[in-house]
C-alpha cells in the first residue's frame, strides 16, 4: 500500500496534455465583463431589483471571543450567517445615525 502525502499525490494528465493535481478551477481569474458578456440585461424597477439583491461575500479571518462564538454556535448550523446579520444591523444603525 502506497502512503499518500502532500508531495506524493498522483498527478493526472488532462485531455489537453497538461498535468493536474485534481483540483478544479474556481473561475476566479475571469473578468466580470467576460462572465456577463452573453447575458441580457433586464430593466427592473428598483423595488423589484432589491428583492434579488445579494451582497458579495468575502472570506476573511476574524478572531472572536470564545464565549461570543459559543453563543452564536449554540443554535447549530449557519452561525456565520447570524454573525453577519448581527454585524449588518449594527452597521445600518450607525449609518442611519451618521446620516442625521
N, C-alpha and C. Protein backbone atom coordinates (compact mmCIF):
# COMPACT_ATOMS: atom_id res chain seq x y z
N UNK A 1 0.84 -1.19 0.00
CA UNK A 1 0.00 0.00 0.00
C UNK A 1 0.88 1.24 0.00
N UNK A 2 0.63 2.15 -0.92
CA UNK A 2 1.43 3.36 -1.05
C UNK A 2 0.90 4.42 -0.09
N UNK A 3 1.78 5.05 0.62
CA UNK A 3 1.40 6.11 1.54
C UNK A 3 1.24 7.41 0.76
N UNK A 4 0.13 8.10 0.98
CA UNK A 4 -0.14 9.34 0.25
C UNK A 4 0.16 10.53 1.16
N UNK A 5 1.05 11.37 0.69
CA UNK A 5 1.35 12.61 1.40
C UNK A 5 1.16 13.76 0.43
N UNK A 6 1.35 14.95 0.91
CA UNK A 6 1.17 16.12 0.04
C UNK A 6 2.08 16.05 -1.19
N UNK A 7 3.29 15.58 -0.98
CA UNK A 7 4.24 15.58 -2.10
C UNK A 7 4.12 14.37 -2.99
N UNK A 8 3.46 13.30 -2.50
CA UNK A 8 3.41 12.09 -3.31
C UNK A 8 2.05 11.86 -3.98
N UNK A 9 1.18 12.84 -3.99
CA UNK A 9 -0.11 12.67 -4.65
C UNK A 9 0.10 12.47 -6.14
N UNK A 10 -0.69 11.59 -6.70
CA UNK A 10 -0.57 11.30 -8.13
C UNK A 10 -1.13 12.46 -8.93
N UNK A 11 -0.45 12.79 -9.99
CA UNK A 11 -0.92 13.85 -10.87
C UNK A 11 -1.58 13.21 -12.07
N UNK A 12 -2.68 13.79 -12.51
CA UNK A 12 -3.42 13.26 -13.65
C UNK A 12 -3.16 14.11 -14.88
N UNK A 13 -3.12 13.46 -16.01
CA UNK A 13 -2.92 14.17 -17.26
C UNK A 13 -4.28 14.43 -17.88
N UNK A 14 -4.58 15.69 -18.20
CA UNK A 14 -5.87 16.03 -18.78
C UNK A 14 -5.86 15.80 -20.28
N UNK A 15 -7.00 16.03 -20.92
CA UNK A 15 -7.12 15.85 -22.36
C UNK A 15 -6.18 16.78 -23.13
N UNK A 16 -5.91 17.94 -22.54
CA UNK A 16 -5.03 18.90 -23.22
C UNK A 16 -3.56 18.53 -23.07
N UNK A 17 -3.28 17.48 -22.28
CA UNK A 17 -1.89 17.06 -22.12
C UNK A 17 -1.20 17.68 -20.92
N UNK A 18 -1.90 18.55 -20.18
CA UNK A 18 -1.31 19.18 -19.01
C UNK A 18 -1.56 18.32 -17.78
N UNK A 19 -0.66 18.40 -16.82
CA UNK A 19 -0.82 17.66 -15.58
C UNK A 19 -1.68 18.46 -14.62
N UNK A 20 -2.44 17.74 -13.81
CA UNK A 20 -3.33 18.38 -12.84
C UNK A 20 -3.22 17.64 -11.52
N UNK A 21 -3.47 18.35 -10.41
CA UNK A 21 -3.47 17.72 -9.10
C UNK A 21 -4.88 17.28 -8.71
N UNK A 22 -5.85 17.45 -9.59
CA UNK A 22 -7.22 17.05 -9.30
C UNK A 22 -8.10 18.18 -8.84
N UNK A 23 -7.53 19.34 -8.62
CA UNK A 23 -8.34 20.48 -8.18
C UNK A 23 -8.98 21.14 -9.38
N UNK A 24 -10.18 21.59 -9.20
CA UNK A 24 -10.87 22.28 -10.28
C UNK A 24 -10.68 23.77 -10.16
N UNK A 25 -10.71 24.43 -11.26
CA UNK A 25 -10.57 25.87 -11.28
C UNK A 25 -11.84 26.50 -10.74
N UNK A 26 -11.69 27.52 -9.92
CA UNK A 26 -12.86 28.19 -9.34
C UNK A 26 -13.35 29.33 -10.22
N UNK A 27 -12.65 29.63 -11.29
CA UNK A 27 -13.08 30.71 -12.18
C UNK A 27 -12.78 32.09 -11.63
N UNK A 28 -11.90 32.18 -10.63
CA UNK A 28 -11.60 33.47 -10.02
C UNK A 28 -10.87 34.41 -10.96
N UNK A 29 -10.21 33.86 -11.97
CA UNK A 29 -9.45 34.68 -12.88
C UNK A 29 -10.29 35.36 -13.95
N UNK A 30 -11.56 35.01 -14.05
CA UNK A 30 -12.41 35.58 -15.09
C UNK A 30 -12.78 37.02 -14.76
N UNK A 31 -12.80 37.83 -15.78
CA UNK A 31 -13.21 39.22 -15.59
C UNK A 31 -14.73 39.29 -15.58
N UNK A 32 -15.32 40.16 -14.76
CA UNK A 32 -16.78 40.26 -14.70
C UNK A 32 -17.41 40.53 -16.06
N UNK A 33 -16.77 41.34 -16.88
CA UNK A 33 -17.35 41.65 -18.19
C UNK A 33 -17.37 40.40 -19.07
N UNK A 34 -16.36 39.52 -18.91
CA UNK A 34 -16.32 38.29 -19.70
C UNK A 34 -17.41 37.33 -19.24
N UNK A 35 -17.70 37.33 -17.95
CA UNK A 35 -18.73 36.44 -17.41
C UNK A 35 -20.11 36.89 -17.87
N UNK A 36 -20.34 38.20 -17.91
CA UNK A 36 -21.66 38.74 -18.24
C UNK A 36 -21.85 39.01 -19.72
N UNK A 37 -20.84 38.71 -20.53
CA UNK A 37 -20.86 39.09 -21.94
C UNK A 37 -22.08 38.58 -22.69
N UNK A 38 -22.48 37.34 -22.49
CA UNK A 38 -23.57 36.78 -23.27
C UNK A 38 -24.94 36.93 -22.65
N UNK A 39 -25.06 37.58 -21.51
CA UNK A 39 -26.34 37.67 -20.82
C UNK A 39 -27.04 38.99 -21.10
N UNK A 40 -28.37 38.92 -21.22
CA UNK A 40 -29.16 40.13 -21.43
C UNK A 40 -29.31 40.87 -20.11
N UNK A 41 -29.40 42.16 -20.19
CA UNK A 41 -29.61 42.97 -19.01
C UNK A 41 -31.08 43.28 -18.90
N UNK A 42 -31.66 43.04 -17.73
CA UNK A 42 -33.07 43.31 -17.51
C UNK A 42 -33.25 44.68 -16.90
N UNK A 43 -34.23 45.41 -17.38
CA UNK A 43 -34.56 46.71 -16.79
C UNK A 43 -35.70 46.49 -15.81
N UNK A 44 -35.36 46.38 -14.52
CA UNK A 44 -36.34 46.15 -13.48
C UNK A 44 -36.50 47.39 -12.63
N UNK A 45 -37.70 47.62 -12.10
CA UNK A 45 -37.85 48.71 -11.12
C UNK A 45 -36.97 48.44 -9.91
N UNK A 46 -36.53 49.50 -9.23
CA UNK A 46 -35.60 49.37 -8.12
C UNK A 46 -36.15 48.46 -7.02
N UNK A 47 -37.42 48.58 -6.71
CA UNK A 47 -38.02 47.75 -5.65
C UNK A 47 -37.94 46.27 -5.98
N UNK A 48 -38.17 45.93 -7.23
CA UNK A 48 -38.11 44.53 -7.65
C UNK A 48 -36.66 44.05 -7.66
N UNK A 49 -35.75 44.90 -8.13
CA UNK A 49 -34.33 44.53 -8.18
C UNK A 49 -33.77 44.29 -6.78
N UNK A 50 -34.22 45.07 -5.80
CA UNK A 50 -33.71 44.91 -4.43
C UNK A 50 -34.16 43.58 -3.81
N UNK A 51 -35.25 43.01 -4.30
CA UNK A 51 -35.69 41.71 -3.79
C UNK A 51 -34.66 40.63 -4.13
N UNK A 52 -33.94 40.80 -5.22
CA UNK A 52 -32.98 39.81 -5.68
C UNK A 52 -31.55 40.16 -5.31
N UNK A 53 -31.35 41.29 -4.63
CA UNK A 53 -30.00 41.75 -4.28
C UNK A 53 -29.36 40.81 -3.26
N UNK A 54 -28.14 40.36 -3.57
CA UNK A 54 -27.35 39.56 -2.64
C UNK A 54 -25.96 40.18 -2.59
N UNK A 55 -25.56 40.69 -1.42
CA UNK A 55 -24.24 41.30 -1.33
C UNK A 55 -23.14 40.26 -1.58
N UNK A 56 -22.03 40.72 -2.11
CA UNK A 56 -20.88 39.84 -2.34
C UNK A 56 -20.31 39.41 -1.00
N UNK A 57 -19.92 38.17 -0.91
CA UNK A 57 -19.32 37.63 0.31
C UNK A 57 -17.81 37.60 0.13
N UNK A 58 -17.08 37.97 1.16
CA UNK A 58 -15.63 37.99 1.12
C UNK A 58 -15.10 37.13 2.26
N UNK A 59 -14.37 36.07 1.95
CA UNK A 59 -13.83 35.23 3.03
C UNK A 59 -12.73 35.97 3.78
N UNK A 60 -12.85 35.98 5.10
CA UNK A 60 -11.87 36.66 5.95
C UNK A 60 -11.57 35.77 7.16
N UNK A 61 -10.60 36.19 7.95
CA UNK A 61 -10.32 35.54 9.22
C UNK A 61 -10.57 36.57 10.31
N UNK A 62 -11.39 36.20 11.28
CA UNK A 62 -11.73 37.11 12.38
C UNK A 62 -11.49 36.38 13.69
N UNK A 63 -10.91 37.08 14.63
CA UNK A 63 -10.71 36.50 15.96
C UNK A 63 -11.85 36.98 16.85
N UNK A 64 -12.66 36.03 17.32
CA UNK A 64 -13.84 36.34 18.14
C UNK A 64 -13.66 35.66 19.49
N UNK A 65 -14.11 36.32 20.55
CA UNK A 65 -14.03 35.72 21.88
C UNK A 65 -14.76 34.38 21.90
N UNK A 66 -14.22 33.44 22.64
CA UNK A 66 -14.76 32.07 22.66
C UNK A 66 -16.21 32.04 23.13
N UNK A 67 -16.56 32.86 24.14
CA UNK A 67 -17.94 32.84 24.64
C UNK A 67 -18.92 33.42 23.62
N UNK A 68 -18.48 34.43 22.86
CA UNK A 68 -19.33 35.01 21.83
C UNK A 68 -19.56 33.99 20.71
N UNK A 69 -18.50 33.32 20.29
CA UNK A 69 -18.63 32.31 19.26
C UNK A 69 -19.52 31.16 19.72
N UNK A 70 -19.36 30.73 20.97
CA UNK A 70 -20.20 29.65 21.51
C UNK A 70 -21.66 30.06 21.51
N UNK A 71 -21.93 31.33 21.81
CA UNK A 71 -23.32 31.81 21.83
C UNK A 71 -23.94 31.75 20.43
N UNK A 72 -23.18 32.13 19.41
CA UNK A 72 -23.69 32.06 18.03
C UNK A 72 -23.83 30.61 17.58
N UNK A 73 -22.92 29.73 18.01
CA UNK A 73 -22.94 28.34 17.56
C UNK A 73 -23.98 27.49 18.27
N UNK A 74 -24.52 27.96 19.39
CA UNK A 74 -25.43 27.13 20.18
C UNK A 74 -26.70 26.76 19.42
N UNK A 75 -27.09 27.56 18.44
CA UNK A 75 -28.29 27.27 17.65
C UNK A 75 -28.00 26.37 16.46
N UNK A 76 -26.77 25.94 16.32
CA UNK A 76 -26.44 24.99 15.27
C UNK A 76 -25.86 25.65 14.03
N UNK A 77 -26.19 25.05 12.89
CA UNK A 77 -25.63 25.48 11.62
C UNK A 77 -25.98 26.93 11.30
N UNK A 78 -25.26 27.49 10.33
CA UNK A 78 -25.46 28.84 9.83
C UNK A 78 -25.10 29.93 10.86
N UNK A 79 -24.19 29.61 11.78
CA UNK A 79 -23.80 30.61 12.78
C UNK A 79 -23.08 31.78 12.12
N UNK A 80 -22.36 31.54 11.01
CA UNK A 80 -21.68 32.64 10.34
C UNK A 80 -22.68 33.62 9.75
N UNK A 81 -23.81 33.10 9.27
CA UNK A 81 -24.86 33.97 8.74
C UNK A 81 -25.44 34.82 9.86
N UNK A 82 -25.63 34.23 11.05
CA UNK A 82 -26.15 35.00 12.19
C UNK A 82 -25.16 36.07 12.63
N UNK A 83 -23.87 35.77 12.59
CA UNK A 83 -22.85 36.78 12.93
C UNK A 83 -22.92 37.92 11.92
N UNK A 84 -23.02 37.58 10.63
CA UNK A 84 -23.10 38.60 9.58
C UNK A 84 -24.35 39.47 9.76
N UNK A 85 -25.48 38.85 10.10
CA UNK A 85 -26.72 39.60 10.29
C UNK A 85 -26.59 40.57 11.46
N UNK A 86 -25.98 40.11 12.55
CA UNK A 86 -25.78 40.98 13.71
C UNK A 86 -24.87 42.16 13.36
N UNK A 87 -23.79 41.90 12.63
CA UNK A 87 -22.89 42.98 12.23
C UNK A 87 -23.57 43.95 11.27
N UNK A 88 -24.40 43.43 10.36
CA UNK A 88 -25.12 44.28 9.42
C UNK A 88 -26.09 45.21 10.15
N UNK A 89 -26.79 44.69 11.18
CA UNK A 89 -27.72 45.53 11.95
C UNK A 89 -26.99 46.68 12.63
N UNK A 90 -25.82 46.39 13.21
CA UNK A 90 -25.02 47.44 13.86
C UNK A 90 -24.56 48.46 12.81
N UNK A 91 -24.10 47.98 11.66
CA UNK A 91 -23.63 48.87 10.60
C UNK A 91 -24.75 49.79 10.12
N UNK A 92 -25.93 49.22 9.85
CA UNK A 92 -27.06 50.03 9.37
C UNK A 92 -27.51 51.04 10.41
N UNK A 93 -27.50 50.64 11.68
CA UNK A 93 -27.88 51.57 12.76
C UNK A 93 -26.92 52.75 12.82
N UNK A 94 -25.62 52.47 12.70
CA UNK A 94 -24.62 53.55 12.75
C UNK A 94 -24.71 54.42 11.50
N UNK A 95 -25.03 53.83 10.34
CA UNK A 95 -25.15 54.62 9.12
C UNK A 95 -26.36 55.56 9.20
N UNK A 96 -27.46 55.06 9.77
CA UNK A 96 -28.65 55.92 9.94
C UNK A 96 -28.35 57.06 10.90
N UNK A 97 -27.64 56.78 11.99
CA UNK A 97 -27.30 57.80 12.98
C UNK A 97 -26.36 58.85 12.38
N UNK A 98 -25.45 58.43 11.53
CA UNK A 98 -24.49 59.36 10.90
C UNK A 98 -25.18 60.21 9.84
N UNK A 99 -26.26 59.71 9.27
CA UNK A 99 -26.96 60.43 8.21
C UNK A 99 -27.87 61.54 8.70
N UNK A 100 -28.05 61.67 9.97
CA UNK A 100 -28.95 62.70 10.53
C UNK A 100 -28.38 64.06 10.43
